PDB file of N, CA and C in Angstrom:
ATOM      1  N   MET A   1       2.285  14.441   7.875  1.00  0.00           N
ATOM      2  CA  MET A   1       2.594  13.241   7.234  1.00  0.00           C
ATOM      3  C   MET A   1       1.183  12.698   6.592  1.00  0.00           C
ATOM      4  N   THR A   2       1.271  12.028   5.413  1.00  0.00           N
ATOM      5  CA  THR A   2       0.306  11.542   4.662  1.00  0.00           C
ATOM      6  C   THR A   2       0.386  10.012   4.484  1.00  0.00           C
ATOM      7  N   PHE A   3      -0.804   9.317   4.566  1.00  0.00           N
ATOM      8  CA  PHE A   3      -0.880   7.949   4.308  1.00  0.00           C
ATOM      9  C   PHE A   3      -0.987   7.692   2.808  1.00  0.00           C
ATOM     10  N   TYR A   4      -0.224   6.747   2.187  1.00  0.00           N
ATOM     11  CA  TYR A   4      -0.345   6.355   0.850  1.00  0.00           C
ATOM     12  C   TYR A   4      -0.558   4.915   0.652  1.00  0.00           C
ATOM     13  N   TRP A   5      -1.429   4.564  -0.223  1.00  0.00           N
ATOM     14  CA  TRP A   5      -1.776   3.077  -0.524  1.00  0.00           C
ATOM     15  C   TRP A   5      -1.010   2.899  -1.921  1.00  0.00           C
ATOM     16  N   LEU A   6       0.020   2.032  -1.923  1.00  0.00           N
ATOM     17  CA  LEU A   6       0.721   1.702  -3.119  1.00  0.00           C
ATOM     18  C   LEU A   6       0.318   0.493  -3.668  1.00  0.00           C
ATOM     19  N   SER A   7       0.089   0.243  -4.894  1.00  0.00           N
ATOM     20  CA  SER A   7      -0.191  -0.927  -5.596  1.00  0.00           C
ATOM     21  C   SER A   7       0.903  -1.300  -6.610  1.00  0.00           C
ATOM     22  N   PHE A   8       1.438  -2.430  -6.575  1.00  0.00           N
ATOM     23  CA  PHE A   8       2.575  -2.799  -7.527  1.00  0.00           C
ATOM     24  C   PHE A   8       2.006  -3.988  -8.406  1.00  0.00           C
ATOM     25  N   ALA A   9       2.275  -3.683  -9.719  1.00  0.00           N
ATOM     26  CA  ALA A   9       1.893  -4.758 -10.750  1.00  0.00           C
ATOM     27  C   ALA A   9       2.840  -4.736 -11.903  1.00  0.00           C
ATOM     28  N   ASP A  10       2.935  -5.811 -12.541  1.00  0.00           N
ATOM     29  CA  ASP A  10       3.831  -6.017 -13.766  1.00  0.00           C
ATOM     30  C   ASP A  10       2.874  -6.484 -14.847  1.00  0.00           C
ATOM     31  N   ALA A  11       2.712  -5.682 -15.837  1.00  0.00           N
ATOM     32  CA  ALA A  11       1.779  -5.968 -16.953  1.00  0.00           C
ATOM     33  C   ALA A  11       2.537  -7.140 -18.037  1.00  0.00           C
ATOM     34  N   SER A  12       3.725  -7.175 -17.761  1.00  0.00           N
ATOM     35  CA  SER A  12       4.512  -8.150 -18.751  1.00  0.00           C
ATOM     36  C   SER A  12       4.313  -9.489 -18.174  1.00  0.00           C
ATOM     37  N   ARG A  13       3.870  -9.779 -17.022  1.00  0.00           N
ATOM     38  CA  ARG A  13       3.732 -11.156 -16.470  1.00  0.00           C
ATOM     39  C   ARG A  13       2.404 -11.751 -17.067  1.00  0.00           C
ATOM     40  N   PRO A  14       2.318 -13.085 -17.032  1.00  0.00           N
ATOM     41  CA  PRO A  14       1.051 -13.780 -17.448  1.00  0.00           C
ATOM     42  C   PRO A  14      -0.136 -13.357 -16.561  1.00  0.00           C
ATOM     43  N   LYS A  15      -1.256 -13.401 -17.342  1.00  0.00           N
ATOM     44  CA  LYS A  15      -2.551 -13.054 -16.588  1.00  0.00           C
ATOM     45  C   LYS A  15      -2.514 -13.855 -15.224  1.00  0.00           C
ATOM     46  N   GLY A  16      -3.026 -13.198 -14.105  1.00  0.00           N
ATOM     47  CA  GLY A  16      -3.229 -13.923 -12.771  1.00  0.00           C
ATOM     48  C   GLY A  16      -1.846 -13.760 -11.982  1.00  0.00           C
ATOM     49  N   GLY A  17      -0.840 -13.317 -12.729  1.00  0.00           N
ATOM     50  CA  GLY A  17       0.362 -13.039 -11.864  1.00  0.00           C
ATOM     51  C   GLY A  17       0.954 -11.548 -11.961  1.00  0.00           C
ATOM     52  N   GLN A  18       0.000 -10.742 -12.490  1.00  0.00           N
ATOM     53  CA  GLN A  18       0.495  -9.362 -12.645  1.00  0.00           C
ATOM     54  C   GLN A  18       0.466  -8.484 -11.487  1.00  0.00           C
ATOM     55  N   PHE A  19      -0.372  -8.992 -10.441  1.00  0.00           N
ATOM     56  CA  PHE A  19      -0.451  -8.235  -9.197  1.00  0.00           C
ATOM     57  C   PHE A  19       0.714  -8.709  -8.366  1.00  0.00           C
ATOM     58  N   LEU A  20       1.478  -7.582  -7.792  1.00  0.00           N
ATOM     59  CA  LEU A  20       2.749  -7.891  -7.116  1.00  0.00           C
ATOM     60  C   LEU A  20       2.596  -7.555  -5.651  1.00  0.00           C
ATOM     61  N   GLY A  21       1.449  -6.711  -5.221  1.00  0.00           N
ATOM     62  CA  GLY A  21       1.289  -6.588  -3.879  1.00  0.00           C
ATOM     63  C   GLY A  21       0.913  -5.077  -3.580  1.00  0.00           C
ATOM     64  N   VAL A  22       0.467  -4.854  -2.356  1.00  0.00           N
ATOM     65  CA  VAL A  22       0.078  -3.600  -1.738  1.00  0.00           C
ATOM     66  C   VAL A  22       0.726  -3.155  -0.690  1.00  0.00           C
ATOM     67  N   LEU A  23       1.097  -1.901  -0.422  1.00  0.00           N
ATOM     68  CA  LEU A  23       1.767  -1.433   0.745  1.00  0.00           C
ATOM     69  C   LEU A  23       1.222  -0.160   1.222  1.00  0.00           C
ATOM     70  N   ILE A  24       0.862   0.028   2.478  1.00  0.00           N
ATOM     71  CA  ILE A  24       0.489   1.339   3.083  1.00  0.00           C
ATOM     72  C   ILE A  24       1.610   1.860   3.840  1.00  0.00           C
ATOM     73  N   GLY A  25       1.947   3.095   3.482  1.00  0.00           N
ATOM     74  CA  GLY A  25       3.105   3.733   4.160  1.00  0.00           C
ATOM     75  C   GLY A  25       2.760   5.220   4.466  1.00  0.00           C
ATOM     76  N   GLU A  26       3.499   5.810   5.287  1.00  0.00           N
ATOM     77  CA  GLU A  26       3.201   7.166   5.669  1.00  0.00           C
ATOM     78  C   GLU A  26       4.560   8.028   5.484  1.00  0.00           C
ATOM     79  N   ALA A  27       4.349   9.146   4.723  1.00  0.00           N
ATOM     80  CA  ALA A  27       5.518   9.984   4.413  1.00  0.00           C
ATOM     81  C   ALA A  27       4.970  11.432   4.084  1.00  0.00           C
ATOM     82  N   ASP A  28       5.916  12.338   3.905  1.00  0.00           N
ATOM     83  CA  ASP A  28       5.634  13.562   3.440  1.00  0.00           C
ATOM     84  C   ASP A  28       5.198  13.615   1.987  1.00  0.00           C
ATOM     85  N   ASP A  29       5.660  12.793   1.194  1.00  0.00           N
ATOM     86  CA  ASP A  29       5.300  12.988  -0.197  1.00  0.00           C
ATOM     87  C   ASP A  29       5.464  11.520  -0.813  1.00  0.00           C
ATOM     88  N   VAL A  30       4.888  11.177  -2.052  1.00  0.00           N
ATOM     89  CA  VAL A  30       4.785   9.886  -2.590  1.00  0.00           C
ATOM     90  C   VAL A  30       6.217   9.478  -2.950  1.00  0.00           C
ATOM     91  N   THR A  31       7.227  10.367  -3.269  1.00  0.00           N
ATOM     92  CA  THR A  31       8.593   9.995  -3.606  1.00  0.00           C
ATOM     93  C   THR A  31       9.222   9.340  -2.385  1.00  0.00           C
ATOM     94  N   GLU A  32       8.902   9.964  -1.186  1.00  0.00           N
ATOM     95  CA  GLU A  32       9.575   9.487  -0.025  1.00  0.00           C
ATOM     96  C   GLU A  32       9.081   8.213   0.438  1.00  0.00           C
ATOM     97  N   VAL A  33       7.746   7.829   0.246  1.00  0.00           N
ATOM     98  CA  VAL A  33       7.176   6.643   0.647  1.00  0.00           C
ATOM     99  C   VAL A  33       7.611   5.598  -0.428  1.00  0.00           C
ATOM    100  N   ILE A  34       7.912   5.880  -1.521  1.00  0.00           N
ATOM    101  CA  ILE A  34       8.421   4.829  -2.618  1.00  0.00           C
ATOM    102  C   ILE A  34       9.873   4.642  -2.155  1.00  0.00           C
ATOM    103  N   LYS A  35      10.639   5.563  -1.947  1.00  0.00           N
ATOM    104  CA  LYS A  35      12.100   5.340  -1.588  1.00  0.00           C
ATOM    105  C   LYS A  35      12.143   4.420  -0.184  1.00  0.00           C
ATOM    106  N   LYS A  36      11.325   4.846   0.752  1.00  0.00           N
ATOM    107  CA  LYS A  36      11.273   4.135   1.964  1.00  0.00           C
ATOM    108  C   LYS A  36      10.977   2.550   1.789  1.00  0.00           C
ATOM    109  N   ALA A  37       9.974   2.227   0.836  1.00  0.00           N
ATOM    110  CA  ALA A  37       9.554   0.990   0.417  1.00  0.00           C
ATOM    111  C   ALA A  37      10.781   0.260  -0.148  1.00  0.00           C
ATOM    112  N   TRP A  38      11.633   0.929  -0.954  1.00  0.00           N
ATOM    113  CA  TRP A  38      12.839   0.205  -1.496  1.00  0.00           C
ATOM    114  C   TRP A  38      13.801  -0.009  -0.368  1.00  0.00           C
ATOM    115  N   ARG A  39      14.117   0.888   0.502  1.00  0.00           N
ATOM    116  CA  ARG A  39      14.981   0.768   1.564  1.00  0.00           C
ATOM    117  C   ARG A  39      14.558  -0.391   2.530  1.00  0.00           C
ATOM    118  N   LEU A  40      13.265  -0.580   2.678  1.00  0.00           N
ATOM    119  CA  LEU A  40      12.785  -1.716   3.592  1.00  0.00           C
ATOM    120  C   LEU A  40      12.743  -3.031   2.808  1.00  0.00           C
ATOM    121  N   GLY A  41      13.021  -3.139   1.460  1.00  0.00           N
ATOM    122  CA  GLY A  41      12.832  -4.262   0.730  1.00  0.00           C
ATOM    123  C   GLY A  41      11.454  -4.613   0.485  1.00  0.00           C
ATOM    124  N   MET A  42      10.558  -3.723   0.407  1.00  0.00           N
ATOM    125  CA  MET A  42       9.104  -4.004   0.228  1.00  0.00           C
ATOM    126  C   MET A  42       8.636  -3.480  -1.062  1.00  0.00           C
ATOM    127  N   ASN A  43       9.422  -3.273  -1.990  1.00  0.00           N
ATOM    128  CA  ASN A  43       9.018  -2.770  -3.316  1.00  0.00           C
ATOM    129  C   ASN A  43       9.427  -3.996  -4.209  1.00  0.00           C
ATOM    130  N   PRO A  44       8.362  -4.710  -4.717  1.00  0.00           N
ATOM    131  CA  PRO A  44       8.658  -5.914  -5.487  1.00  0.00           C
ATOM    132  C   PRO A  44       8.869  -5.547  -7.134  1.00  0.00           C
ATOM    133  N   GLY A  45       8.889  -4.267  -7.425  1.00  0.00           N
ATOM    134  CA  GLY A  45       9.155  -3.922  -8.750  1.00  0.00           C
ATOM    135  C   GLY A  45       7.827  -3.780  -9.438  1.00  0.00           C
ATOM    136  N   GLY A  46       8.053  -3.662 -10.760  1.00  0.00           N
ATOM    137  CA  GLY A  46       6.799  -3.377 -11.642  1.00  0.00           C
ATOM    138  C   GLY A  46       6.373  -1.909 -11.671  1.00  0.00           C
ATOM    139  N   GLU A  47       5.137  -1.653 -11.967  1.00  0.00           N
ATOM    140  CA  GLU A  47       4.640  -0.282 -12.050  1.00  0.00           C
ATOM    141  C   GLU A  47       3.971  -0.054 -10.672  1.00  0.00           C
ATOM    142  N   ILE A  48       3.938   1.184 -10.259  1.00  0.00           N
ATOM    143  CA  ILE A  48       3.323   1.652  -9.077  1.00  0.00           C
ATOM    144  C   ILE A  48       2.119   2.467  -9.261  1.00  0.00           C
ATOM    145  N   GLN A  49       1.018   2.235  -8.673  1.00  0.00           N
ATOM    146  CA  GLN A  49      -0.042   3.193  -8.732  1.00  0.00           C
ATOM    147  C   GLN A  49      -0.283   3.518  -7.186  1.00  0.00           C
ATOM    148  N   PHE A  50      -0.624   4.845  -6.943  1.00  0.00           N
ATOM    149  CA  PHE A  50      -0.797   5.208  -5.616  1.00  0.00           C
ATOM    150  C   PHE A  50      -2.080   6.107  -5.227  1.00  0.00           C
ATOM    151  N   HIS A  51      -2.529   5.895  -4.158  1.00  0.00           N
ATOM    152  CA  HIS A  51      -3.664   6.754  -3.757  1.00  0.00           C
ATOM    153  C   HIS A  51      -3.332   7.389  -2.415  1.00  0.00           C
ATOM    154  N   ILE A  52      -3.595   8.634  -2.334  1.00  0.00           N
ATOM    155  CA  ILE A  52      -3.522   9.324  -1.008  1.00  0.00           C
ATOM    156  C   ILE A  52      -4.768   8.970  -0.239  1.00  0.00           C
ATOM    157  N   LEU A  53      -4.553   8.565   0.919  1.00  0.00           N
ATOM    158  CA  LEU A  53      -5.724   8.263   1.948  1.00  0.00           C
ATOM    159  C   LEU A  53      -6.074   9.527   2.553  1.00  0.00           C
ATOM    160  N   ALA A  54      -7.435   9.734   2.897  1.00  0.00           N
ATOM    161  CA  ALA A  54      -7.974  10.742   3.458  1.00  0.00           C
ATOM    162  C   ALA A  54      -7.178  11.281   4.717  1.00  0.00           C
ATOM    163  N   GLN A  55      -7.040  12.679   4.719  1.00  0.00           N
ATOM    164  CA  GLN A  55      -6.145  13.126   5.798  1.00  0.00           C
ATOM    165  C   GLN A  55      -6.400  12.833   7.147  1.00  0.00           C
ATOM    166  N   ASP A  56      -7.763  12.631   7.493  1.00  0.00           N
ATOM    167  CA  ASP A  56      -8.166  12.371   8.919  1.00  0.00           C
ATOM    168  C   ASP A  56      -8.365  10.883   9.108  1.00  0.00           C
ATOM    169  N   LEU A  57      -8.030  10.070   8.201  1.00  0.00           N
ATOM    170  CA  LEU A  57      -8.204   8.596   8.383  1.00  0.00           C
ATOM    171  C   LEU A  57      -7.178   8.097   9.217  1.00  0.00           C
ATOM    172  N   LYS A  58      -7.754   7.110  10.139  1.00  0.00           N
ATOM    173  CA  LYS A  58      -6.769   6.328  10.862  1.00  0.00           C
ATOM    174  C   LYS A  58      -6.569   5.036  10.259  1.00  0.00           C
ATOM    175  N   VAL A  59      -5.252   4.615  10.288  1.00  0.00           N
ATOM    176  CA  VAL A  59      -4.678   3.414   9.673  1.00  0.00           C
ATOM    177  C   VAL A  59      -4.173   2.693  10.844  1.00  0.00           C
ATOM    178  N   PRO A  60      -4.627   1.389  11.060  1.00  0.00           N
ATOM    179  CA  PRO A  60      -4.270   0.534  12.173  1.00  0.00           C
ATOM    180  C   PRO A  60      -2.654   0.278  11.942  1.00  0.00           C
ATOM    181  N   GLU A  61      -1.913   0.382  13.057  1.00  0.00           N
ATOM    182  CA  GLU A  61      -0.482   0.214  12.891  1.00  0.00           C
ATOM    183  C   GLU A  61      -0.041  -1.155  12.141  1.00  0.00           C
ATOM    184  N   PRO A  62      -0.545  -2.190  12.513  1.00  0.00           N
ATOM    185  CA  PRO A  62      -0.130  -3.465  11.896  1.00  0.00           C
ATOM    186  C   PRO A  62      -0.279  -3.479  10.381  1.00  0.00           C
ATOM    187  N   LEU A  63      -1.057  -2.486   9.788  1.00  0.00           N
ATOM    188  CA  LEU A  63      -1.146  -2.484   8.209  1.00  0.00           C
ATOM    189  C   LEU A  63       0.008  -1.709   7.687  1.00  0.00           C
ATOM    190  N   LEU A  64       0.782  -0.933   8.408  1.00  0.00           N
ATOM    191  CA  LEU A  64       1.701  -0.114   7.875  1.00  0.00           C
ATOM    192  C   LEU A  64       3.054  -0.819   7.583  1.00  0.00           C
ATOM    193  N   TRP A  65       3.626  -0.475   6.391  1.00  0.00           N
ATOM    194  CA  TRP A  65       4.939  -0.850   6.067  1.00  0.00           C
ATOM    195  C   TRP A  65       5.144  -2.418   6.029  1.00  0.00           C
ATOM    196  N   ARG A  66       4.136  -3.068   5.420  1.00  0.00           N
ATOM    197  CA  ARG A  66       4.300  -4.440   4.987  1.00  0.00           C
ATOM    198  C   ARG A  66       3.538  -4.751   3.662  1.00  0.00           C
ATOM    199  N   LEU A  67       4.420  -5.557   2.794  1.00  0.00           N
ATOM    200  CA  LEU A  67       3.787  -5.899   1.463  1.00  0.00           C
ATOM    201  C   LEU A  67       2.671  -6.901   1.716  1.00  0.00           C
ATOM    202  N   MET A  68       1.500  -6.533   1.199  1.00  0.00           N
ATOM    203  CA  MET A  68       0.349  -7.410   1.328  1.00  0.00           C
ATOM    204  C   MET A  68      -0.130  -8.088   0.027  1.00  0.00           C
ATOM    205  N   THR A  69      -0.619  -9.274   0.272  1.00  0.00           N
ATOM    206  CA  THR A  69      -1.216  -9.973  -0.865  1.00  0.00           C
ATOM    207  C   THR A  69      -2.620  -9.264  -1.341  1.00  0.00           C
ATOM    208  N   LYS A  70      -3.183  -9.722  -2.301  1.00  0.00           N
ATOM    209  CA  LYS A  70      -4.518  -9.228  -2.797  1.00  0.00           C
ATOM    210  C   LYS A  70      -5.568  -9.342  -1.699  1.00  0.00           C
ATOM    211  N   GLN A  71      -5.589 -10.622  -1.047  1.00  0.00           N
ATOM    212  CA  GLN A  71      -6.373 -10.987  -0.058  1.00  0.00           C
ATOM    213  C   GLN A  71      -6.227 -10.120   1.202  1.00  0.00           C
ATOM    214  N   GLU A  72      -4.953  -9.998   1.578  1.00  0.00           N
ATOM    215  CA  GLU A  72      -4.602  -9.213   2.759  1.00  0.00           C
ATOM    216  C   GLU A  72      -5.004  -7.682   2.504  1.00  0.00           C
ATOM    217  N   ALA A  73      -4.858  -7.181   1.330  1.00  0.00           N
ATOM    218  CA  ALA A  73      -5.234  -5.823   1.040  1.00  0.00           C
ATOM    219  C   ALA A  73      -6.725  -5.647   1.127  1.00  0.00           C
ATOM    220  N   LYS A  74      -7.438  -6.596   0.761  1.00  0.00           N
ATOM    221  CA  LYS A  74      -8.948  -6.461   0.960  1.00  0.00           C
ATOM    222  C   LYS A  74      -9.275  -6.430   2.399  1.00  0.00           C
ATOM    223  N   HIS A  75      -8.658  -7.262   3.222  1.00  0.00           N
ATOM    224  CA  HIS A  75      -8.871  -7.266   4.815  1.00  0.00           C
ATOM    225  C   HIS A  75      -8.329  -5.920   5.289  1.00  0.00           C
ATOM    226  N   ALA A  76      -7.391  -5.344   4.733  1.00  0.00           N
ATOM    227  CA  ALA A  76      -6.719  -4.036   5.182  1.00  0.00           C
ATOM    228  C   ALA A  76      -7.781  -3.034   4.999  1.00  0.00           C
ATOM    229  N   ASP A  77      -8.398  -2.995   3.766  1.00  0.00           N
ATOM    230  CA  ASP A  77      -9.456  -2.109   3.454  1.00  0.00           C
ATOM    231  C   ASP A  77     -10.560  -2.134   4.518  1.00  0.00           C
ATOM    232  N   GLN A  78     -10.985  -3.327   4.739  1.00  0.00           N
ATOM    233  CA  GLN A  78     -12.109  -3.536   5.732  1.00  0.00           C
ATOM    234  C   GLN A  78     -11.669  -3.120   7.095  1.00  0.00           C
ATOM    235  N   ALA A  79     -10.339  -3.361   7.453  1.00  0.00           N
ATOM    236  CA  ALA A  79      -9.936  -2.848   8.734  1.00  0.00           C
ATOM    237  C   ALA A  79      -9.819  -1.456   8.931  1.00  0.00           C
ATOM    238  N   ILE A  80      -9.434  -0.757   7.878  1.00  0.00           N
ATOM    239  CA  ILE A  80      -9.325   0.697   7.928  1.00  0.00           C
ATOM    240  C   ILE A  80     -10.796   1.322   8.030  1.00  0.00           C
ATOM    241  N   LEU A  81     -11.699   0.819   7.271  1.00  0.00           N
ATOM    242  CA  LEU A  81     -13.058   1.160   7.451  1.00  0.00           C
ATOM    243  C   LEU A  81     -13.580   1.008   8.788  1.00  0.00           C
ATOM    244  N   ALA A  82     -13.353  -0.199   9.260  1.00  0.00           N
ATOM    245  CA  ALA A  82     -13.755  -0.465  10.748  1.00  0.00           C
ATOM    246  C   ALA A  82     -13.246   0.502  11.763  1.00  0.00           C
ATOM    247  N   ALA A  83     -11.778   0.838  11.629  1.00  0.00           N
ATOM    248  CA  ALA A  83     -11.171   1.783  12.498  1.00  0.00           C
ATOM    249  C   ALA A  83     -11.740   3.171  12.367  1.00  0.00           C
ATOM    250  N   ASN A  84     -12.396   3.460  11.347  1.00  0.00           N
ATOM    251  CA  ASN A  84     -12.831   4.828  11.045  1.00  0.00           C
ATOM    252  C   ASN A  84     -14.318   5.046  11.207  1.00  0.00           C
ATOM    253  N   SER A  85     -15.020   4.025  11.564  1.00  0.00           N
ATOM    254  CA  SER A  85     -16.474   4.125  11.721  1.00  0.00           C
ATOM    255  C   SER A  85     -16.755   4.711  12.941  1.00  0.00           C
ATOM    256  N   HIS A  86     -17.662   5.654  12.955  1.00  0.00           N
ATOM    257  CA  HIS A  86     -17.931   6.302  14.275  1.00  0.00           C
ATOM    258  C   HIS A  86     -19.289   6.018  14.760  1.00  0.00           C
TER     259      HIS A  86
END
């Protein structure tokens, strides 16, 4: 399984309201992670950009499968870095 960082945005919204959220999920491929986000009601629409997280990266369980605000995503990034510092 692979961890994906999904970012949702809608460029048709006014400036400051285009960001719709971030979700970190785990699946075999990006299509599967997007479908699961829909099934869980965590896909707010708009366009999706995704990043594959490093294969050996540890992602803390509380960060998975929840739609996060911009501020929460910044904290998630820091939490992932902290969980992987050796």
